[in-house]
Amino acid sequence: MNYVENIRCPNCGSYGERHHLLDCNLVRTQCPECDYLMVTCGVTGKVVEAYAPGLSLEHFICRV
């Protein structure tokens, strides 16, 4: 049986949802406010798909 839990979005802090899809062993975390999406394997925890808007390339570039 699948179930949904209400969580805080790890990207923006708004209320989001975590869907536990037990029939296919996936966990989908999503936020309607910032369009965050993370799909992980329910067994291993490995990331299957991810989308986190608002994180630009500038955050990962070191400037001297």
C-alpha atoms as a PDB file:
ATOM      1  CA  MET A   1       0.000   0.000   0.000  1.00  0.00           C
ATOM      2  CA  ASN A   2       1.369   3.411  -0.992  1.00  0.00           C
ATOM      3  CA  TYR A   3       1.259   6.354   1.402  1.00  0.00           C
ATOM      4  CA  VAL A   4       1.991  10.084   1.442  1.00  0.00           C
ATOM      5  CA  GLU A   5       3.520  12.165   4.221  1.00  0.00           C
ATOM      6  CA  ASN A   6       3.643  15.948   4.514  1.00  0.00           C
ATOM      7  CA  ILE A   7       7.185  17.300   4.865  1.00  0.00           C
ATOM      8  CA  ARG A   8       9.114  20.561   4.585  1.00  0.00           C
ATOM      9  CA  CYS A   9      10.766  21.036   1.204  1.00  0.00           C
ATOM     10  CA  PRO A  10      14.544  20.597   1.445  1.00  0.00           C
ATOM     11  CA  ASN A  11      14.948  23.244  -1.278  1.00  0.00           C
ATOM     12  CA  CYS A  12      12.708  26.140  -0.160  1.00  0.00           C
ATOM     13  CA  GLY A  13      11.237  25.159   3.225  1.00  0.00           C
ATOM     14  CA  SER A  14       7.589  25.264   2.092  1.00  0.00           C
ATOM     15  CA  TYR A  15       5.252  22.368   2.692  1.00  0.00           C
ATOM     16  CA  GLY A  16       5.757  19.494   0.270  1.00  0.00           C
ATOM     17  CA  GLU A  17       4.909  15.824  -0.014  1.00  0.00           C
ATOM     18  CA  ARG A  18       6.836  12.581   0.157  1.00  0.00           C
ATOM     19  CA  HIS A  19       5.173   9.734  -1.702  1.00  0.00           C
ATOM     20  CA  HIS A  20       6.235   6.223  -0.733  1.00  0.00           C
ATOM     21  CA  LEU A  21       5.511   4.067  -3.790  1.00  0.00           C
ATOM     22  CA  LEU A  22       5.874   0.631  -2.294  1.00  0.00           C
ATOM     23  CA  ASP A  23       4.779  -1.313  -5.375  1.00  0.00           C
ATOM     24  CA  CYS A  24       7.865  -0.071  -7.303  1.00  0.00           C
ATOM     25  CA  ASN A  25      10.188   0.650  -4.309  1.00  0.00           C
ATOM     26  CA  LEU A  26      10.457   4.396  -5.012  1.00  0.00           C
ATOM     27  CA  VAL A  27      10.210   7.489  -2.819  1.00  0.00           C
ATOM     28  CA  ARG A  28       9.168  10.707  -4.578  1.00  0.00           C
ATOM     29  CA  THR A  29       9.639  14.027  -2.748  1.00  0.00           C
ATOM     30  CA  GLN A  30       8.006  17.027  -4.402  1.00  0.00           C
ATOM     31  CA  CYS A  31       7.171  20.649  -3.683  1.00  0.00           C
ATOM     32  CA  PRO A  32       4.431  22.582  -5.507  1.00  0.00           C
ATOM     33  CA  GLU A  33       5.911  25.959  -4.459  1.00  0.00           C
ATOM     34  CA  CYS A  34       9.394  25.693  -5.993  1.00  0.00           C
ATOM     35  CA  ASP A  35       8.896  22.703  -8.341  1.00  0.00           C
ATOM     36  CA  TYR A  36      11.480  20.586  -6.447  1.00  0.00           C
ATOM     37  CA  LEU A  37      11.544  16.877  -7.317  1.00  0.00           C
ATOM     38  CA  MET A  38      13.650  14.030  -5.960  1.00  0.00           C
ATOM     39  CA  VAL A  39      12.984  10.386  -6.736  1.00  0.00           C
ATOM     40  CA  THR A  40      15.037   7.830  -4.827  1.00  0.00           C
ATOM     41  CA  CYS A  41      15.139   4.058  -4.604  1.00  0.00           C
ATOM     42  CA  GLY A  42      13.238   2.943  -1.518  1.00  0.00           C
ATOM     43  CA  VAL A  43      15.707   0.116  -0.913  1.00  0.00           C
ATOM     44  CA  THR A  44      19.147   1.623  -1.570  1.00  0.00           C
ATOM     45  CA  GLY A  45      18.392   5.364  -1.270  1.00  0.00           C
ATOM     46  CA  LYS A  46      20.152   6.061  -4.577  1.00  0.00           C
ATOM     47  CA  VAL A  47      18.859   9.012  -6.576  1.00  0.00           C
ATOM     48  CA  VAL A  48      16.849   8.006  -9.660  1.00  0.00           C
ATOM     49  CA  GLU A  49      15.796  11.498 -10.761  1.00  0.00           C
ATOM     50  CA  ALA A  50      16.267  14.989  -9.349  1.00  0.00           C
ATOM     51  CA  TYR A  51      15.290  18.550 -10.186  1.00  0.00           C
ATOM     52  CA  ALA A  52      15.978  21.473  -7.862  1.00  0.00           C
ATOM     53  CA  PRO A  53      15.244  24.867  -9.408  1.00  0.00           C
ATOM     54  CA  GLY A  54      16.848  27.891  -7.859  1.00  0.00           C
ATOM     55  CA  LEU A  55      20.262  26.302  -7.568  1.00  0.00           C
ATOM     56  CA  SER A  56      22.262  28.027 -10.261  1.00  0.00           C
ATOM     57  CA  LEU A  57      25.695  27.078 -11.528  1.00  0.00           C
ATOM     58  CA  GLU A  58      27.102  30.168  -9.777  1.00  0.00           C
ATOM     59  CA  HIS A  59      26.684  28.404  -6.418  1.00  0.00           C
ATOM     60  CA  PHE A  60      29.183  25.748  -7.498  1.00  0.00           C
ATOM     61  CA  ILE A  61      31.828  27.942  -9.164  1.00  0.00           C
ATOM     62  CA  CYS A  62      34.745  29.143  -7.022  1.00  0.00           C
ATOM     63  CA  ARG A  63      35.698  32.730  -7.636  1.00  0.00           C
ATOM     64  CA  VAL A  64      39.151  34.044  -6.856  1.00  0.00           C
END
